[in-house]
Structures are given as C-alpha cells and as structure tokens.
C-alpha cells in the first residue's frame, strides 16, 4: 500500500477560487464592458503604470523591439517555433474531414473548421513567458485561424522585446502591450481599439484564470490553468540528484506549485529529499521553490509499478516525468496526465520551451477529463447531412415521426410527416413498424 514520506498542506486549506479574486474580476469585466477603452486605459495605468497613446504596436515599434533581441536569442526562438509548428502540422494532418453514405441515399459528414479569431495572452509577471507565444500563436496559425491577436503586459516600462519577437515570428496579426484582466476583458468583450475575439488562450495568474472562467460561454477558452504541477515517477534506475533537480525545476514557477515524487524505492525517496535540501541552498530561485516544496511537495513510496500507476492517475498531474527501467509501461497504462516525459534523457523543461509538444496543459486534476492545448482546440468539428433519394427520406421520416411522437413533439413529427407524404406518397401510420 502506498505510503507518504512527505505530504503537502491539507487539501481543505487550498482554495481553488479566492472570493476576493472573483469579486474583483467581476467588477473589472463589468467596467470594461460598460466603458470599453476608457476603462482599459485606467486599469492599465492603475495596475501596470502603462498608458501609451496606443496599446497596439505599430510595424515600426515591432521592428524596433525585435531589433533589441540578440541574434542568438532570435535564432533560438525560431528553432523552438519550428519544432512547435512541425508537431502541430503532423497533428493537423490527422484531423480529416469525413463524408460517408450510412444508408442508401443518406450522406453524413463533418468538416473541421478553424475558429475565426483568437486572443492569445502571454504572461509577463515573475517570468516573461516567451514560450507561451509559440504554443498559442504558432498552433493557431497551423490550424488555420484567420485573425490572431496577442497581448502581453509591459515589462520595465515598455514591450518585452523577446515576447514581441516571438509573437511576430509566430504569426500574430496584431500585438498589444496590455496585461492582466484588462487584456483578457478587452479581447473577449471588445473595445473601440480591440474588436472581440471568438476564443481566448494562454496561461496567466489567478486573476487572468478567473477572468477566463467568468467569460467562458461568451467566448471559448483553451482551459483553466492553475499553478504549474510536476510529478516524478522513478525507480532505482536513477538517483536522487536528477529527481530533485526535476522537482525543483518546476517548483520555481511559484509558491503554490505542487511537486510530487512517486517511487518504489524508499532509498531513492530519501536520497531525493536530501538532494532537494542541498539544491535549495544554491538555487537562485530557492525562495520560491522552497515554499512550493514545503507546502505542496509530496513523496509517495509504492510497492510496484501497478501501484505507482494508480497513484499517478489519482494525482493527475500536469507534467509527469517517468524515469524507470520500463517507462513505456507507464505510457501504456496511465490515463490521467497533461503530458508524459519518458526516460531520463528528456524532462519537463524540454516540453515547456522547445521540443515541440504544447506546454499549455490541464492542472488541478482536470487531466481526468481533458488534454492540453493542441491544434484540434482551434478547430470546430461541424457535422452535416444530405438525403439524396425519395426512398431515403421516406424511410428516415417514418422512424423519425414515431420517435418524435414517443417524446411528445408533435411539430417535430410533422417535419417528418410532410416528407413522408411528399416523397413517399403515403400517409404516416404511427402504429406500423417501418419497412
């Protein structure tokens, strides 16, 4: 039976949605809807001390920002985007339109139609998330989205050059230096400067996540992203140093980021805990990582691989790093995770920044019912039907008529009846079985 050598704080002490955050966001969104650009400008000045003549960057301003980025950094951004684009293109190739004759004269089909417009949010608080631009914008462009706008908050009094470069190279049609709830609200509700979009994508802080939650339904969203989570599944084929490094590598995201180790080796578990303490003495981001580890870190010792799978699926982590003698066992048997990183040669940072899979992933156990952002999220699979013969319309009509009457929908039934009379040349007999 699984044993905890370390637990995080009690789940009842963790609030998914702070009441104050909900109320604040609700008020901000109402203000934006009522006063539009005027409200957005006041909010930007209040929260970011940023009130330019226009929040949208001109072509010249984009060129100046890109010109501030070192040549090597630009090459790295282009390389990362090429990997994301390549994988998204392979995924898109799997999504085929369909048309099939299910009965003689009955044609059913579906088309994969891109969302018309999206708004991409790129965070720029504790860490300017350059890679988030790749994940949202490049993937949407591969899907065929016609209009892509992107927002990121100001950084040190102006646009962040590397974020602007990533947005521009990724294919954004419009780039705005605008952050927080005011950016989310402007994109979703529309203002004089920013026509509304059909869908919002991209991570953010608790206020950004709450804004997306409140706006869902009026616009689509990718998912509700909470604090970054990481889970290490390991056996004695690796050591404590690599496990500790991978745990703290994600714990540095923020003080509420869960980091969990599941292993069948108590020795590895204890070695990892000692290595974490050693690394926390030298890690530049130790103030954040230590708080995350102390409050949200867990160490679970299991008896075998099967129990490790059960515990891992219970945790349903955003990122799952598997470092065992047989990592493919977990690929074959796990069902609840955001993304798997199989073997010690890869790691979560590869996926976060460059390898090509998308880093916008489900958190807070949402992996039980959804995957992460991918090219398919930007497509609407829309069905259609055609009835080509009188005989087919008559056949389907008689079934439909009786099923409508079964449910009490007489007007529905008459839609079927008129086809039976017109194309079948007969009256409808509800009591007779269909031919």
Protein backbone atom coordinates (compact mmCIF):
# COMPACT_ATOMS: atom_id res chain seq x y z
CA UNK A 1 0.00 0.00 0.00
CA UNK A 2 1.29 3.47 -0.89
CA UNK A 3 2.99 5.35 1.97
CA UNK A 4 3.58 9.09 2.22
CA UNK A 5 7.04 10.05 3.44
CA UNK A 6 6.05 13.68 2.94
CA UNK A 7 2.70 15.38 2.46
CA UNK A 8 1.73 18.86 1.36
CA UNK A 9 -0.67 21.08 3.25
CA UNK A 10 -4.17 19.72 3.76
CA UNK A 11 -6.32 19.98 0.65
CA UNK A 12 -9.07 21.73 2.62
CA UNK A 13 -6.67 24.62 3.19
CA UNK A 14 -6.23 25.16 -0.54
CA UNK A 15 -8.90 27.40 -2.08
CA UNK A 16 -9.46 26.98 -5.80
CA UNK A 17 -11.03 30.39 -6.16
CA UNK A 18 -10.49 33.20 -3.69
CA UNK A 19 -13.72 35.11 -3.17
CA UNK A 20 -11.89 38.41 -3.37
CA UNK A 21 -10.36 37.44 -6.73
CA UNK A 22 -13.79 36.50 -8.11
CA UNK A 23 -15.37 39.75 -6.97
CA UNK A 24 -12.51 41.90 -8.23
CA UNK A 25 -12.55 40.26 -11.66
CA UNK A 26 -16.32 40.53 -11.94
CA UNK A 27 -16.14 44.28 -11.24
CA UNK A 28 -13.30 44.81 -13.74
CA UNK A 29 -15.09 42.93 -16.51
CA UNK A 30 -18.31 44.87 -15.91
CA UNK A 31 -16.36 48.12 -16.07
CA UNK A 32 -14.68 47.12 -19.36
CA UNK A 33 -18.00 46.13 -20.89
CA UNK A 34 -19.57 49.43 -19.87
CA UNK A 35 -16.73 51.88 -20.61
CA UNK A 36 -14.56 49.89 -23.03
CA UNK A 37 -11.29 51.66 -23.99
CA UNK A 38 -11.59 54.25 -21.23
CA UNK A 39 -11.82 51.52 -18.59
CA UNK A 40 -8.97 49.53 -20.14
CA UNK A 41 -6.69 52.57 -20.09
CA UNK A 42 -7.50 53.41 -16.47
CA UNK A 43 -6.92 49.81 -15.40
CA UNK A 44 -3.62 49.59 -17.25
CA UNK A 45 -2.46 52.79 -15.60
CA UNK A 46 -3.58 51.53 -12.18
CA UNK A 47 -2.06 48.05 -12.32
CA UNK A 48 0.88 48.43 -14.73
CA UNK A 49 1.62 52.17 -14.75
CA UNK A 50 1.21 51.93 -18.52
CA UNK A 51 -0.87 54.31 -20.64
CA UNK A 52 0.61 54.75 -24.14
CA UNK A 53 -1.07 56.60 -26.97
CA UNK A 54 -1.98 53.22 -28.45
CA UNK A 55 -1.71 49.80 -26.82
CA UNK A 56 -1.29 48.25 -30.25
CA UNK A 57 2.28 48.16 -31.55
CA UNK A 58 2.88 49.61 -35.00
CA UNK A 59 5.05 47.82 -37.55
CA UNK A 60 7.88 50.23 -36.73
CA UNK A 61 7.56 49.56 -33.00
CA UNK A 62 7.61 45.80 -33.63
CA UNK A 63 10.75 46.18 -35.73
CA UNK A 64 12.43 48.23 -33.00
CA UNK A 65 11.55 45.66 -30.34
CA UNK A 66 12.83 42.76 -32.46
CA UNK A 67 16.00 44.74 -33.11
CA UNK A 68 16.75 44.77 -29.38
CA UNK A 69 16.88 40.96 -29.21
CA UNK A 70 20.28 39.31 -29.54
CA UNK A 71 20.84 37.37 -32.77
CA UNK A 72 21.35 34.08 -30.89
CA UNK A 73 18.10 34.59 -28.98
CA UNK A 74 16.23 35.21 -32.24
CA UNK A 75 17.69 32.02 -33.70
CA UNK A 76 16.62 30.09 -30.61
CA UNK A 77 13.08 31.47 -30.81
CA UNK A 78 12.85 30.49 -34.48
CA UNK A 79 14.17 27.00 -33.70
CA UNK A 80 11.61 26.46 -30.92
CA UNK A 81 8.78 27.69 -33.12
CA UNK A 82 9.86 25.37 -35.93
CA UNK A 83 9.54 22.41 -33.55
CA UNK A 84 6.09 23.51 -32.33
CA UNK A 85 4.95 24.17 -35.90
CA UNK A 86 6.19 20.83 -37.17
CA UNK A 87 4.37 18.82 -34.49
CA UNK A 88 1.20 20.88 -34.89
CA UNK A 89 1.26 20.25 -38.64
CA UNK A 90 1.54 16.49 -38.04
CA UNK A 91 -1.39 16.67 -35.64
CA UNK A 92 -3.45 18.70 -38.13
CA UNK A 93 -2.81 16.08 -40.80
CA UNK A 94 -4.55 13.51 -38.56
CA UNK A 95 -7.76 15.54 -38.45
CA UNK A 96 -9.59 14.64 -41.61
CA UNK A 97 -12.93 15.77 -42.93
CA UNK A 98 -15.45 12.94 -43.30
CA UNK A 99 -18.28 12.06 -45.67
CA UNK A 100 -19.95 8.64 -45.66
CA UNK A 101 -23.13 7.05 -47.02
CA UNK A 102 -24.62 5.44 -43.91
CA UNK A 103 -27.78 4.18 -45.64
CA UNK A 104 -28.67 4.16 -49.35
CA UNK A 105 -29.22 7.81 -50.22
CA UNK A 106 -28.21 9.15 -46.76
CA UNK A 107 -24.96 11.11 -46.63
CA UNK A 108 -23.45 12.19 -43.29
CA UNK A 109 -20.23 14.10 -42.80
CA UNK A 110 -18.20 16.54 -40.81
CA UNK A 111 -15.83 19.40 -41.55
CA UNK A 112 -13.02 20.67 -39.34
CA UNK A 113 -13.47 24.44 -39.44
CA UNK A 114 -10.94 26.80 -37.81
CA UNK A 115 -12.14 29.22 -35.16
CA UNK A 116 -12.49 32.65 -36.75
CA UNK A 117 -10.42 34.71 -34.33
CA UNK A 118 -8.45 34.16 -31.15
CA UNK A 119 -6.80 36.24 -28.46
CA UNK A 120 -3.50 34.93 -27.08
CA UNK A 121 -2.32 36.04 -23.66
CA UNK A 122 1.38 35.79 -22.83
CA UNK A 123 2.22 36.29 -19.12
CA UNK A 124 4.97 38.66 -18.15
CA UNK A 125 4.97 38.83 -14.37
CA UNK A 126 7.58 36.92 -12.37
CA UNK A 127 8.90 35.37 -15.59
CA UNK A 128 8.28 36.73 -19.11
CA UNK A 129 6.85 33.58 -20.74
CA UNK A 130 8.27 33.89 -24.24
CA UNK A 131 7.46 30.23 -24.98
CA UNK A 132 3.73 30.79 -24.41
CA UNK A 133 3.67 32.81 -27.62
CA UNK A 134 4.89 29.77 -29.58
CA UNK A 135 2.36 27.45 -28.01
CA UNK A 136 -0.68 29.63 -28.69
CA UNK A 137 0.07 31.63 -31.81
CA UNK A 138 2.01 29.10 -33.88
CA UNK A 139 -0.50 26.33 -33.14
CA UNK A 140 -3.47 28.54 -34.02
CA UNK A 141 -1.83 29.58 -37.26
CA UNK A 142 -1.29 25.94 -38.25
CA UNK A 143 -4.97 25.27 -37.50
CA UNK A 144 -5.93 27.99 -39.98
CA UNK A 145 -7.28 30.67 -37.62
CA UNK A 146 -7.77 33.80 -39.74
CA UNK A 147 -7.25 36.52 -37.11
CA UNK A 148 -4.81 36.19 -34.22
CA UNK A 149 -4.24 38.98 -31.73
CA UNK A 150 -1.78 38.78 -28.86
CA UNK A 151 -1.41 40.63 -25.57
CA UNK A 152 1.42 40.75 -23.06
CA UNK A 153 1.90 43.17 -20.16
CA UNK A 154 4.56 45.88 -20.24
CA UNK A 155 7.99 44.91 -18.95
CA UNK A 156 10.20 47.54 -17.34
CA UNK A 157 8.18 50.34 -18.88
CA UNK A 158 7.63 49.00 -22.38
CA UNK A 159 7.10 45.96 -24.59
CA UNK A 160 9.27 42.95 -23.77
CA UNK A 161 11.48 42.60 -26.89
CA UNK A 162 11.74 38.80 -26.89
CA UNK A 163 7.99 38.34 -26.35
CA UNK A 164 7.25 40.73 -29.19
CA UNK A 165 9.69 38.84 -31.42
CA UNK A 166 8.04 35.52 -30.57
CA UNK A 167 4.56 36.91 -31.23
CA UNK A 168 5.68 38.43 -34.52
CA UNK A 169 7.53 35.37 -35.81
CA UNK A 170 4.69 33.14 -34.65
CA UNK A 171 2.23 34.93 -36.90
CA UNK A 172 0.24 37.34 -34.72
CA UNK A 173 -1.79 39.80 -36.80
CA UNK A 174 -1.98 42.40 -34.03
CA UNK A 175 0.24 42.82 -30.95
CA UNK A 176 -0.87 44.77 -27.89
CA UNK A 177 1.16 45.74 -24.84
CA UNK A 178 -1.61 45.16 -22.33
CA UNK A 179 -1.74 42.88 -19.32
CA UNK A 180 -3.95 41.25 -16.73
CA UNK A 181 -7.73 41.15 -16.60
CA UNK A 182 -7.90 44.29 -18.72
CA UNK A 183 -6.26 42.43 -21.61
CA UNK A 184 -8.50 39.37 -21.22
CA UNK A 185 -11.62 41.51 -20.94
CA UNK A 186 -10.72 43.71 -23.91
CA UNK A 187 -10.12 40.71 -26.18
CA UNK A 188 -13.27 38.88 -25.10
CA UNK A 189 -15.70 41.79 -24.83
CA UNK A 190 -14.25 44.11 -27.44
CA UNK A 191 -13.40 47.81 -27.24
CA UNK A 192 -13.02 50.63 -29.74
CA UNK A 193 -9.38 49.59 -30.29
CA UNK A 194 -9.72 45.82 -29.96
CA UNK A 195 -12.56 44.02 -31.80
CA UNK A 196 -13.70 40.99 -29.80
CA UNK A 197 -12.37 37.51 -30.49
CA UNK A 198 -14.09 34.14 -30.56
CA UNK A 199 -11.67 32.36 -28.23
CA UNK A 200 -9.10 33.12 -25.50
CA UNK A 201 -5.95 31.08 -24.99
CA UNK A 202 -2.85 31.25 -22.83
CA UNK A 203 -1.91 30.97 -19.14
CA UNK A 204 -1.81 33.70 -16.52
CA UNK A 205 -2.10 34.45 -12.83
CA UNK A 206 -5.14 33.79 -10.63
CA UNK A 207 -6.90 36.93 -11.89
CA UNK A 208 -6.36 36.03 -15.53
CA UNK A 209 -7.59 32.48 -14.94
CA UNK A 210 -10.68 33.78 -13.14
CA UNK A 211 -11.40 36.22 -15.96
CA UNK A 212 -11.30 33.37 -18.46
CA UNK A 213 -13.61 31.33 -16.23
CA UNK A 214 -16.15 34.14 -16.00
CA UNK A 215 -16.02 34.84 -19.73
CA UNK A 216 -16.32 31.21 -20.82
CA UNK A 217 -19.53 30.78 -22.75
CA UNK A 218 -19.37 34.26 -24.20
CA UNK A 219 -16.11 33.18 -25.79
CA UNK A 220 -14.32 29.87 -25.94
CA UNK A 221 -11.22 29.16 -23.86
CA UNK A 222 -8.42 26.63 -24.07
CA UNK A 223 -8.56 25.54 -20.42
CA UNK A 224 -8.34 26.94 -16.89
CA UNK A 225 -4.67 26.79 -15.98
CA UNK A 226 -3.77 26.76 -12.29
CA UNK A 227 -0.29 26.71 -10.73
CA UNK A 228 2.26 24.55 -12.53
CA UNK A 229 2.37 20.92 -11.34
CA UNK A 230 5.03 18.27 -11.71
CA UNK A 231 5.12 14.58 -10.85
CA UNK A 232 8.23 12.42 -10.95
CA UNK A 233 7.77 8.65 -11.30
CA UNK A 234 11.10 6.93 -10.65
CA UNK A 235 12.74 3.68 -9.58
CA UNK A 236 16.31 2.81 -8.62
CA UNK A 237 17.49 3.15 -12.22
CA UNK A 238 18.09 6.86 -11.46
CA UNK A 239 19.46 8.79 -8.49
CA UNK A 240 18.27 11.45 -6.09
CA UNK A 241 20.08 14.31 -7.82
CA UNK A 242 18.17 14.05 -11.10
CA UNK A 243 14.84 13.57 -9.30
CA UNK A 244 15.46 16.56 -7.04
CA UNK A 245 16.54 18.70 -10.00
CA UNK A 246 13.38 17.89 -11.95
CA UNK A 247 11.12 18.53 -8.94
CA UNK A 248 12.65 21.94 -8.17
CA UNK A 249 12.83 22.78 -11.86
CA UNK A 250 9.07 23.21 -11.83
CA UNK A 251 8.62 24.26 -8.19
CA UNK A 252 10.36 27.54 -9.04
CA UNK A 253 7.30 28.58 -11.07
CA UNK A 254 5.56 29.76 -7.91
CA UNK A 255 4.99 29.12 -4.20
CA UNK A 256 1.82 27.12 -4.85
CA UNK A 257 3.25 24.74 -7.47
CA UNK A 258 2.85 21.08 -6.43
CA UNK A 259 5.89 18.82 -6.86
CA UNK A 260 5.37 15.09 -6.19
CA UNK A 261 7.68 12.07 -6.25
CA UNK A 262 6.24 8.56 -6.66
CA UNK A 263 8.73 5.71 -6.36
CA UNK A 264 9.05 2.05 -5.41
CA UNK A 265 12.43 2.72 -3.78
CA UNK A 266 12.48 4.16 -0.28
CA UNK A 267 16.22 4.74 -0.65
CA UNK A 268 15.63 6.89 -3.74
CA UNK A 269 12.86 8.75 -1.91
CA UNK A 270 15.14 9.68 0.99
CA UNK A 271 18.09 10.47 -1.28
CA UNK A 272 15.87 12.80 -3.28
CA UNK A 273 14.74 14.65 -0.15
CA UNK A 274 18.36 15.16 0.90
CA UNK A 275 19.29 16.39 -2.56
CA UNK A 276 16.40 18.85 -2.53
CA UNK A 277 17.73 20.38 0.68
CA UNK A 278 21.22 20.63 -0.84
CA UNK A 279 19.98 22.25 -4.03
CA UNK A 280 17.80 24.73 -2.17
CA UNK A 281 20.97 26.18 -0.62
CA UNK A 282 22.38 27.11 -4.04
CA UNK A 283 19.36 27.56 -6.37
CA UNK A 284 18.89 31.23 -7.36
CA UNK A 285 15.09 30.81 -7.18
CA UNK A 286 15.20 28.92 -3.87
CA UNK A 287 12.92 31.39 -2.08
CA UNK A 288 10.03 30.40 -4.35
CA UNK A 289 10.96 26.74 -4.83
CA UNK A 290 11.39 26.11 -1.10
CA UNK A 291 7.95 27.47 -0.29
CA UNK A 292 6.39 25.31 -3.03
CA UNK A 293 8.23 22.21 -1.81
CA UNK A 294 7.44 22.76 1.87
CA UNK A 295 3.74 23.45 1.32
CA UNK A 296 2.92 21.37 -1.76
CA UNK A 297 5.67 18.77 -2.05
CA UNK A 298 4.87 15.08 -1.61
CA UNK A 299 6.89 11.87 -1.52
CA UNK A 300 4.97 8.61 -2.01
CA UNK A 301 6.51 5.14 -1.79
CA UNK A 302 4.67 2.33 -3.62
CA UNK A 303 5.18 -1.43 -3.72
CA UNK A 304 5.34 -1.87 -7.50
CA UNK A 305 4.69 -0.31 -10.91
CA UNK A 306 0.97 -1.08 -10.81
CA UNK A 307 0.52 0.86 -7.59
CA UNK A 308 2.67 3.67 -8.96
CA UNK A 309 0.28 3.94 -11.93
CA UNK A 310 -2.76 4.05 -9.62
CA UNK A 311 -1.21 6.81 -7.50
CA UNK A 312 -0.10 8.76 -10.56
CA UNK A 313 -3.58 8.63 -12.10
CA UNK A 314 -5.05 9.76 -8.77
CA UNK A 315 -2.71 12.77 -8.70
CA UNK A 316 -3.45 13.50 -12.41
CA UNK A 317 -0.55 15.91 -12.69
CA UNK A 318 0.04 18.46 -15.41
CA UNK A 319 3.58 17.20 -16.10
CA UNK A 320 4.70 13.62 -15.47
CA UNK A 321 8.39 12.74 -15.74
CA UNK A 322 8.91 8.94 -15.90
CA UNK A 323 12.40 7.68 -15.10
CA UNK A 324 12.16 3.93 -14.67
CA UNK A 325 13.62 0.77 -16.18
CA UNK A 326 10.47 0.43 -18.31
CA UNK A 327 8.97 3.89 -18.98
CA UNK A 328 6.74 2.51 -21.74
CA UNK A 329 4.82 0.57 -19.07
CA UNK A 330 3.53 3.92 -17.82
CA UNK A 331 2.79 5.15 -21.33
CA UNK A 332 0.68 2.04 -21.90
CA UNK A 333 -1.12 2.08 -18.55
CA UNK A 334 -1.52 5.67 -17.34
CA UNK A 335 -4.69 7.52 -18.31
CA UNK A 336 -4.70 10.85 -16.43
CA UNK A 337 -1.91 13.32 -17.14
CA UNK A 338 -1.24 16.51 -19.07
CA UNK A 339 1.96 15.36 -20.76
CA UNK A 340 4.39 12.47 -20.26
CA UNK A 341 8.17 12.83 -20.41
CA UNK A 342 9.57 9.33 -20.82
CA UNK A 343 13.07 8.41 -19.75
CA UNK A 344 15.87 10.39 -18.05
CA UNK A 345 17.12 11.93 -21.30
CA UNK A 346 14.08 14.20 -21.56
CA UNK A 347 12.44 16.47 -18.98
CA UNK A 348 9.62 18.94 -18.46
CA UNK A 349 11.74 21.95 -19.40
CA UNK A 350 12.23 20.47 -22.89
CA UNK A 351 8.45 20.40 -23.30
CA UNK A 352 8.00 23.83 -21.73
CA UNK A 353 10.38 25.57 -24.08
CA UNK A 354 11.43 23.84 -27.24
CA UNK A 355 10.81 20.18 -28.09
CA UNK A 356 7.52 20.77 -29.92
CA UNK A 357 4.68 19.47 -27.74
CA UNK A 358 2.40 22.14 -26.31
CA UNK A 359 3.05 23.36 -22.77
CA UNK A 360 -0.46 24.67 -22.05
CA UNK A 361 -1.76 21.69 -20.07
CA UNK A 362 -4.52 20.72 -17.61
CA UNK A 363 -3.98 21.32 -13.89
CA UNK A 364 -5.95 20.69 -10.67
CA UNK A 365 -6.89 17.16 -11.76
CA UNK A 366 -8.51 18.37 -15.00
CA UNK A 367 -6.39 15.69 -16.70
CA UNK A 368 -9.14 13.29 -15.64
CA UNK A 369 -11.31 14.73 -18.41
CA UNK A 370 -9.21 16.76 -20.85
CA UNK A 371 -5.85 17.02 -22.53
CA UNK A 372 -3.92 20.21 -23.17
CA UNK A 373 -3.87 22.82 -25.90
CA UNK A 374 -3.24 21.44 -29.38
CA UNK A 375 -4.14 22.21 -32.95
CA UNK A 376 -7.52 20.49 -32.56
CA UNK A 377 -8.59 23.02 -29.91
CA UNK A 378 -8.70 25.67 -32.62
CA UNK A 379 -10.97 23.58 -34.87
CA UNK A 380 -14.73 23.15 -34.75
CA UNK A 381 -15.83 19.72 -35.95
CA UNK A 382 -19.18 20.54 -37.55
CA UNK A 383 -21.49 17.87 -38.93
CA UNK A 384 -23.81 17.95 -41.95
CA UNK A 385 -26.34 15.63 -43.60
CA UNK A 386 -27.80 15.15 -47.06
CA UNK A 387 -30.72 12.92 -48.11
CA UNK A 388 -30.41 12.24 -51.83
CA UNK A 389 -33.39 10.00 -52.67
CA UNK A 390 -37.14 9.94 -52.08
CA UNK A 391 -36.85 6.43 -50.68
CA UNK A 392 -34.30 7.50 -48.06
CA UNK A 393 -36.39 10.50 -46.97
CA UNK A 394 -39.45 8.24 -46.65
CA UNK A 395 -37.55 5.61 -44.61
CA UNK A 396 -35.91 8.04 -42.20
CA UNK A 397 -39.12 10.09 -41.99
CA UNK A 398 -41.27 7.20 -40.72
CA UNK A 399 -38.77 6.32 -37.99
CA UNK A 400 -38.39 9.99 -37.06
CA UNK A 401 -42.14 10.60 -36.91
CA UNK A 402 -42.77 7.78 -34.44
CA UNK A 403 -39.77 8.75 -32.27
CA UNK A 404 -40.99 12.35 -32.11
CA UNK A 405 -44.46 11.23 -31.01
CA UNK A 406 -42.81 8.99 -28.38
CA UNK A 407 -41.30 12.13 -26.87
CA UNK A 408 -44.43 14.25 -27.31
CA UNK A 409 -43.04 16.55 -30.02
CA UNK A 410 -45.93 16.78 -32.48
CA UNK A 411 -44.48 19.66 -34.51
CA UNK A 412 -41.21 17.77 -34.81
CA UNK A 413 -43.18 14.79 -36.04
CA UNK A 414 -44.91 16.90 -38.67
CA UNK A 415 -41.49 17.86 -40.09
CA UNK A 416 -41.01 14.16 -40.78
CA UNK A 417 -44.62 13.56 -41.86
CA UNK A 418 -44.56 16.14 -44.60
CA UNK A 419 -41.53 14.41 -46.13
CA UNK A 420 -43.21 11.00 -45.94
CA UNK A 421 -46.32 12.35 -47.67
CA UNK A 422 -44.34 14.27 -50.28
CA UNK A 423 -41.51 11.84 -51.05
CA UNK A 424 -43.06 8.52 -50.02
CA UNK A 425 -46.52 9.12 -51.41
CA UNK A 426 -48.26 7.74 -48.34
CA UNK A 427 -49.85 8.76 -45.08
CA UNK A 428 -47.97 8.17 -41.84
CA UNK A 429 -49.13 5.24 -39.73
CA UNK A 430 -47.62 5.59 -36.28
CA UNK A 431 -48.62 2.06 -35.29
CA UNK A 432 -46.96 0.27 -38.17
CA UNK A 433 -43.30 -0.68 -37.96
CA UNK A 434 -41.01 0.74 -40.62
CA UNK A 435 -40.26 -1.40 -43.65
